[in-house]
Amino acid sequence: MEQRITKRIKTITEFHRSRGLPHPEHPLVSVVDYSTVIRPEDIGEANWVFDFYMISLKIGINGQLKYGQLEYDFDEGTMFFISPNQVFRIETEPALQEKQSGWMLLIHPDFLWNTPLAKEIRQYDFFDYSVHEALFLSKKEEKTINEIIENIEQEYRATLDKFSQNIIISHIETLLNYSERFYERQFITRKIINHHVLNRLEEVLNEYFNDNAPVSKGLPTVQYIAQKLNISPNYLSRMLTTLTGQSTQQLIQDKLIEKAKEKLSTTDESISEIAYDLGFEHPQSFTKLFKNKTNLSPLKFRNSFH
């Protein structure tokens, strides 16, 4: 299998030049109209890395997006969030490119330097979501987002003064907060897909414990579960917290306690043997977790059956 090369674009000016765009009006922040972008012929043959943030809205993509093991159509606004140093790949189909419209907001980290947003922007989980975990907007949501982008563009196109940076950053914060709200809505409204993920999560955990995987692999990790579900760890935990009130780690622990109760009540294995079977290196760690979850020690729980 041929290995893809990775291409890095360091500045917004370099991005403009590589996409056939005029020189940016501001070197550290730019709104780009998708319909004006000229894509390099080899764009789909490489992996890409930017040294700046890219928030984009694509409109009218007539096709299918794969989400985990499911596919579904979409034709409204679709938002993607890419952070600096994040490796990604652009899949291209000529027929779809002709219909593609929307915008890209490019923000260089230097623009945020010495502001609270410089640190706070990394707290937005969606910058770590995978491409198939994009944000799908309703027409009303799309209108709200577009108005914020227009405000950003108008501000940096105007005569810059000492207020300009703070005003633009304020608009960016508003954009991110609305995006977070709309993601919360997406977790709730896409019930069929999300319930499929919940059911599959249950299957993955059952398979792991029933196959005695903990003995050789240790306790199941959030990363392992996310990989099996084809979902990024942050997206999975955020979705589960919204739908169940519990993180992935908490649900793993609940399954662990369920299996422990089953062994304590139906077998004569010692506490140490059960701890080892469930992937714990030290029985004390198992006892501590069990007591924290049930308010009983494993021994007291077992004795309650006799």
Foldseek 3Di string as FASTA:
>chain_A
DDDAAEEEDEWPQSVCVQFVHPGALDGFKHKFKLQSGHHDPCQQRHKYFYQWKKKWWKAQQADWFDDQNDIDGDGGIWIAIAGGPDIDGDDDDVVRSNVITTIMMIGHLVLCPPHPCSPVVVVLLRNVWHPSLIQGDDPVLVVVLVVLVVVLNVLSVDDDDPCSSVVNVVSVVVNSVSSSVSSLVVLVPVVVVNVVLVVVLVVVLCCCLVVLVLLVPAQDDLCNSCVVRVTDSSSQQVSCCSVPVGGPVVVSLVSLLVVLLVCLAPHPDDLQVSCSSNNHPDSVVVQVSNCVVPVDGSVVSSVVND
